[in-house]
């Protein structure tokens, strides 16, 4: 198992959170205690929201 870095007190700005890479990266950063600011432009009704959004 990998050690997770402590990113508390840091802000991660993730673009493309409606796409697979950004959508996968966002919760990983949050699990490392980073404050995550996200942005995505897909607006289809079937686009699923990120947990906690």
PDB file of N, CA and C in Angstrom:
ATOM      1  N   UNK A   1       0.842  -1.186   0.000  1.00  0.00           N
ATOM      2  CA  UNK A   1       0.000   0.000   0.000  1.00  0.00           C
ATOM      3  C   UNK A   1       0.883   1.244   0.000  1.00  0.00           C
ATOM      4  N   UNK A   2       0.505   2.213  -0.774  1.00  0.00           N
ATOM      5  CA  UNK A   2       1.267   3.455  -0.864  1.00  0.00           C
ATOM      6  C   UNK A   2       0.901   4.397   0.266  1.00  0.00           C
ATOM      7  N   UNK A   3       1.891   5.139   0.727  1.00  0.00           N
ATOM      8  CA  UNK A   3       1.609   6.191   1.701  1.00  0.00           C
ATOM      9  C   UNK A   3       0.959   7.350   0.964  1.00  0.00           C
ATOM     10  N   UNK A   4      -0.070   7.919   1.568  1.00  0.00           N
ATOM     11  CA  UNK A   4      -0.713   9.069   0.946  1.00  0.00           C
ATOM     12  C   UNK A   4      -0.100  10.339   1.513  1.00  0.00           C
ATOM     13  N   UNK A   5       0.188  11.299   0.663  1.00  0.00           N
ATOM     14  CA  UNK A   5       0.762  12.547   1.154  1.00  0.00           C
ATOM     15  C   UNK A   5      -0.266  13.345   1.944  1.00  0.00           C
ATOM     16  N   UNK A   6       0.216  14.113   2.900  1.00  0.00           N
ATOM     17  CA  UNK A   6      -0.664  15.001   3.664  1.00  0.00           C
ATOM     18  C   UNK A   6      -0.719  16.335   2.936  1.00  0.00           C
ATOM     19  N   UNK A   7      -1.838  16.621   2.328  1.00  0.00           N
ATOM     20  CA  UNK A   7      -2.003  17.867   1.582  1.00  0.00           C
ATOM     21  C   UNK A   7      -2.870  18.867   2.332  1.00  0.00           C
ATOM     22  N   UNK A   8      -3.038  18.664   3.632  1.00  0.00           N
ATOM     23  CA  UNK A   8      -3.859  19.600   4.405  1.00  0.00           C
ATOM     24  C   UNK A   8      -3.238  20.990   4.344  1.00  0.00           C
ATOM     25  N   UNK A   9      -4.095  21.979   4.223  1.00  0.00           N
ATOM     26  CA  UNK A   9      -3.635  23.356   4.102  1.00  0.00           C
ATOM     27  C   UNK A   9      -3.283  23.744   2.675  1.00  0.00           C
ATOM     28  N   UNK A  10      -3.412  22.819   1.751  1.00  0.00           N
ATOM     29  CA  UNK A  10      -3.108  23.105   0.349  1.00  0.00           C
ATOM     30  C   UNK A  10      -4.398  23.096  -0.465  1.00  0.00           C
ATOM     31  N   UNK A  11      -4.392  23.834  -1.552  1.00  0.00           N
ATOM     32  CA  UNK A  11      -5.554  23.900  -2.439  1.00  0.00           C
ATOM     33  C   UNK A  11      -5.164  23.282  -3.777  1.00  0.00           C
ATOM     34  N   UNK A  12      -5.998  22.385  -4.257  1.00  0.00           N
ATOM     35  CA  UNK A  12      -5.794  21.777  -5.573  1.00  0.00           C
ATOM     36  C   UNK A  12      -6.922  22.247  -6.483  1.00  0.00           C
ATOM     37  N   UNK A  13      -6.565  22.856  -7.601  1.00  0.00           N
ATOM     38  CA  UNK A  13      -7.559  23.267  -8.591  1.00  0.00           C
ATOM     39  C   UNK A  13      -7.528  22.249  -9.716  1.00  0.00           C
ATOM     40  N   UNK A  14      -8.619  21.538  -9.899  1.00  0.00           N
ATOM     41  CA  UNK A  14      -8.687  20.472 -10.899  1.00  0.00           C
ATOM     42  C   UNK A  14      -9.653  20.893 -11.993  1.00  0.00           C
ATOM     43  N   UNK A  15      -9.160  20.926 -13.221  1.00  0.00           N
ATOM     44  CA  UNK A  15     -10.028  21.222 -14.355  1.00  0.00           C
ATOM     45  C   UNK A  15     -10.461  19.910 -14.997  1.00  0.00           C
ATOM     46  N   UNK A  16     -11.543  19.946 -15.697  1.00  0.00           N
ATOM     47  CA  UNK A  16     -12.010  18.756 -16.399  1.00  0.00           C
ATOM     48  C   UNK A  16     -12.615  17.710 -15.493  1.00  0.00           C
ATOM     49  N   UNK A  17     -13.290  18.139 -14.436  1.00  0.00           N
ATOM     50  CA  UNK A  17     -13.832  17.171 -13.479  1.00  0.00           C
ATOM     51  C   UNK A  17     -15.092  16.471 -13.963  1.00  0.00           C
ATOM     52  N   UNK A  18     -15.569  16.808 -15.144  1.00  0.00           N
ATOM     53  CA  UNK A  18     -16.682  16.059 -15.721  1.00  0.00           C
ATOM     54  C   UNK A  18     -16.170  14.963 -16.649  1.00  0.00           C
ATOM     55  N   UNK A  19     -14.874  14.842 -16.769  1.00  0.00           N
ATOM     56  CA  UNK A  19     -14.236  13.822 -17.598  1.00  0.00           C
ATOM     57  C   UNK A  19     -13.521  12.814 -16.699  1.00  0.00           C
ATOM     58  N   UNK A  20     -13.188  11.642 -17.225  1.00  0.00           N
ATOM     59  CA  UNK A  20     -12.684  10.557 -16.374  1.00  0.00           C
ATOM     60  C   UNK A  20     -11.450  10.871 -15.528  1.00  0.00           C
ATOM     61  N   UNK A  21     -10.426  11.503 -16.079  1.00  0.00           N
ATOM     62  CA  UNK A  21      -9.209  11.729 -15.297  1.00  0.00           C
ATOM     63  C   UNK A  21      -9.459  12.720 -14.174  1.00  0.00           C
ATOM     64  N   UNK A  22     -10.054  13.858 -14.486  1.00  0.00           N
ATOM     65  CA  UNK A  22     -10.348  14.846 -13.450  1.00  0.00           C
ATOM     66  C   UNK A  22     -11.319  14.321 -12.414  1.00  0.00           C
ATOM     67  N   UNK A  23     -12.291  13.541 -12.867  1.00  0.00           N
ATOM     68  CA  UNK A  23     -13.288  12.976 -11.961  1.00  0.00           C
ATOM     69  C   UNK A  23     -12.657  11.959 -11.014  1.00  0.00           C
ATOM     70  N   UNK A  24     -11.663  11.217 -11.479  1.00  0.00           N
ATOM     71  CA  UNK A  24     -10.972  10.242 -10.634  1.00  0.00           C
ATOM     72  C   UNK A  24      -9.975  10.921  -9.698  1.00  0.00           C
ATOM     73  N   UNK A  25      -9.329  11.972 -10.164  1.00  0.00           N
ATOM     74  CA  UNK A  25      -8.302  12.650  -9.377  1.00  0.00           C
ATOM     75  C   UNK A  25      -8.875  13.446  -8.211  1.00  0.00           C
ATOM     76  N   UNK A  26     -10.024  14.052  -8.404  1.00  0.00           N
ATOM     77  CA  UNK A  26     -10.615  14.921  -7.385  1.00  0.00           C
ATOM     78  C   UNK A  26     -10.824  14.235  -6.037  1.00  0.00           C
ATOM     79  N   UNK A  27     -11.470  13.061  -5.963  1.00  0.00           N
ATOM     80  CA  UNK A  27     -11.636  12.423  -4.653  1.00  0.00           C
ATOM     81  C   UNK A  27     -10.316  11.947  -4.045  1.00  0.00           C
ATOM     82  N   UNK A  28      -9.334  11.613  -4.886  1.00  0.00           N
ATOM     83  CA  UNK A  28      -8.032  11.205  -4.354  1.00  0.00           C
ATOM     84  C   UNK A  28      -7.356  12.367  -3.636  1.00  0.00           C
ATOM     85  N   UNK A  29      -7.443  13.548  -4.225  1.00  0.00           N
ATOM     86  CA  UNK A  29      -6.871  14.731  -3.579  1.00  0.00           C
ATOM     87  C   UNK A  29      -7.610  15.055  -2.286  1.00  0.00           C
ATOM     88  N   UNK A  30      -8.914  14.920  -2.299  1.00  0.00           N
ATOM     89  CA  UNK A  30      -9.701  15.165  -1.087  1.00  0.00           C
ATOM     90  C   UNK A  30      -9.341  14.159   0.003  1.00  0.00           C
ATOM     91  N   UNK A  31      -9.100  12.907  -0.373  1.00  0.00           N
ATOM     92  CA  UNK A  31      -8.688  11.895   0.602  1.00  0.00           C
ATOM     93  C   UNK A  31      -7.348  12.232   1.244  1.00  0.00           C
ATOM     94  N   UNK A  32      -6.529  13.008   0.539  1.00  0.00           N
ATOM     95  CA  UNK A  32      -5.235  13.448   1.072  1.00  0.00           C
ATOM     96  C   UNK A  32      -5.369  14.752   1.851  1.00  0.00           C
ATOM     97  N   UNK A  33      -6.611  15.153   2.137  1.00  0.00           N
ATOM     98  CA  UNK A  33      -6.933  16.337   2.947  1.00  0.00           C
ATOM     99  C   UNK A  33      -6.720  17.661   2.228  1.00  0.00           C
ATOM    100  N   UNK A  34      -6.588  17.661   0.907  1.00  0.00           N
ATOM    101  CA  UNK A  34      -6.475  18.918   0.170  1.00  0.00           C
ATOM    102  C   UNK A  34      -7.854  19.557   0.055  1.00  0.00           C
ATOM    103  N   UNK A  35      -7.871  20.881  -0.008  1.00  0.00           N
ATOM    104  CA  UNK A  35      -9.093  21.591  -0.371  1.00  0.00           C
ATOM    105  C   UNK A  35      -9.147  21.559  -1.890  1.00  0.00           C
ATOM    106  N   UNK A  36     -10.226  21.026  -2.439  1.00  0.00           N
ATOM    107  CA  UNK A  36     -10.306  20.835  -3.885  1.00  0.00           C
ATOM    108  C   UNK A  36     -11.308  21.812  -4.485  1.00  0.00           C
ATOM    109  N   UNK A  37     -10.847  22.545  -5.484  1.00  0.00           N
ATOM    110  CA  UNK A  37     -11.698  23.424  -6.278  1.00  0.00           C
ATOM    111  C   UNK A  37     -11.751  22.787  -7.658  1.00  0.00           C
ATOM    112  N   UNK A  38     -12.953  22.569  -8.166  1.00  0.00           N
ATOM    113  CA  UNK A  38     -13.052  21.860  -9.436  1.00  0.00           C
ATOM    114  C   UNK A  38     -13.829  22.654 -10.469  1.00  0.00           C
ATOM    115  N   UNK A  39     -13.570  22.305 -11.721  1.00  0.00           N
ATOM    116  CA  UNK A  39     -14.226  22.978 -12.831  1.00  0.00           C
ATOM    117  C   UNK A  39     -14.414  21.981 -13.965  1.00  0.00           C
ATOM    118  N   UNK A  40     -15.577  22.044 -14.581  1.00  0.00           N
ATOM    119  CA  UNK A  40     -15.851  21.206 -15.743  1.00  0.00           C
ATOM    120  C   UNK A  40     -16.911  21.888 -16.583  1.00  0.00           C
ATOM    121  N   UNK A  41     -16.945  21.579 -17.869  1.00  0.00           N
ATOM    122  CA  UNK A  41     -17.902  22.287 -18.719  1.00  0.00           C
ATOM    123  C   UNK A  41     -19.001  21.413 -19.301  1.00  0.00           C
ATOM    124  N   UNK A  42     -18.954  20.114 -19.094  1.00  0.00           N
ATOM    125  CA  UNK A  42     -20.011  19.254 -19.614  1.00  0.00           C
ATOM    126  C   UNK A  42     -21.299  19.534 -18.863  1.00  0.00           C
ATOM    127  N   UNK A  43     -22.375  19.741 -19.600  1.00  0.00           N
ATOM    128  CA  UNK A  43     -23.637  20.098 -18.954  1.00  0.00           C
ATOM    129  C   UNK A  43     -24.769  19.147 -19.286  1.00  0.00           C
ATOM    130  N   UNK A  44     -24.486  18.009 -19.917  1.00  0.00           N
ATOM    131  CA  UNK A  44     -25.552  17.068 -20.235  1.00  0.00           C
ATOM    132  C   UNK A  44     -26.248  16.622 -18.964  1.00  0.00           C
ATOM    133  N   UNK A  45     -27.517  16.342 -19.068  1.00  0.00           N
ATOM    134  CA  UNK A  45     -28.303  15.914 -17.909  1.00  0.00           C
ATOM    135  C   UNK A  45     -27.807  14.600 -17.332  1.00  0.00           C
ATOM    136  N   UNK A  46     -27.152  13.774 -18.147  1.00  0.00           N
ATOM    137  CA  UNK A  46     -26.682  12.490 -17.646  1.00  0.00           C
ATOM    138  C   UNK A  46     -25.286  12.556 -17.033  1.00  0.00           C
ATOM    139  N   UNK A  47     -24.660  13.716 -17.017  1.00  0.00           N
ATOM    140  CA  UNK A  47     -23.347  13.844 -16.385  1.00  0.00           C
ATOM    141  C   UNK A  47     -23.518  13.689 -14.880  1.00  0.00           C
ATOM    142  N   UNK A  48     -22.830  12.731 -14.309  1.00  0.00           N
ATOM    143  CA  UNK A  48     -22.985  12.469 -12.878  1.00  0.00           C
ATOM    144  C   UNK A  48     -22.143  13.437 -12.071  1.00  0.00           C
ATOM    145  N   UNK A  49     -22.666  13.833 -10.943  1.00  0.00           N
ATOM    146  CA  UNK A  49     -21.980  14.780 -10.068  1.00  0.00           C
ATOM    147  C   UNK A  49     -20.912  14.069  -9.255  1.00  0.00           C
ATOM    148  N   UNK A  50     -19.922  14.831  -8.844  1.00  0.00           N
ATOM    149  CA  UNK A  50     -18.907  14.304  -7.937  1.00  0.00           C
ATOM    150  C   UNK A  50     -19.503  14.174  -6.549  1.00  0.00           C
ATOM    151  N   UNK A  51     -19.089  13.170  -5.797  1.00  0.00           N
ATOM    152  CA  UNK A  51     -19.578  13.057  -4.423  1.00  0.00           C
ATOM    153  C   UNK A  51     -19.220  14.314  -3.629  1.00  0.00           C
ATOM    154  N   UNK A  52     -20.136  14.813  -2.879  1.00  0.00           N
ATOM    155  CA  UNK A  52     -19.894  15.993  -2.057  1.00  0.00           C
ATOM    156  C   UNK A  52     -20.025  17.302  -2.809  1.00  0.00           C
ATOM    157  N   UNK A  53     -20.325  17.244  -4.090  1.00  0.00           N
ATOM    158  CA  UNK A  53     -20.441  18.477  -4.872  1.00  0.00           C
ATOM    159  C   UNK A  53     -21.762  19.156  -4.594  1.00  0.00           C
TER     160      UNK A  53
END
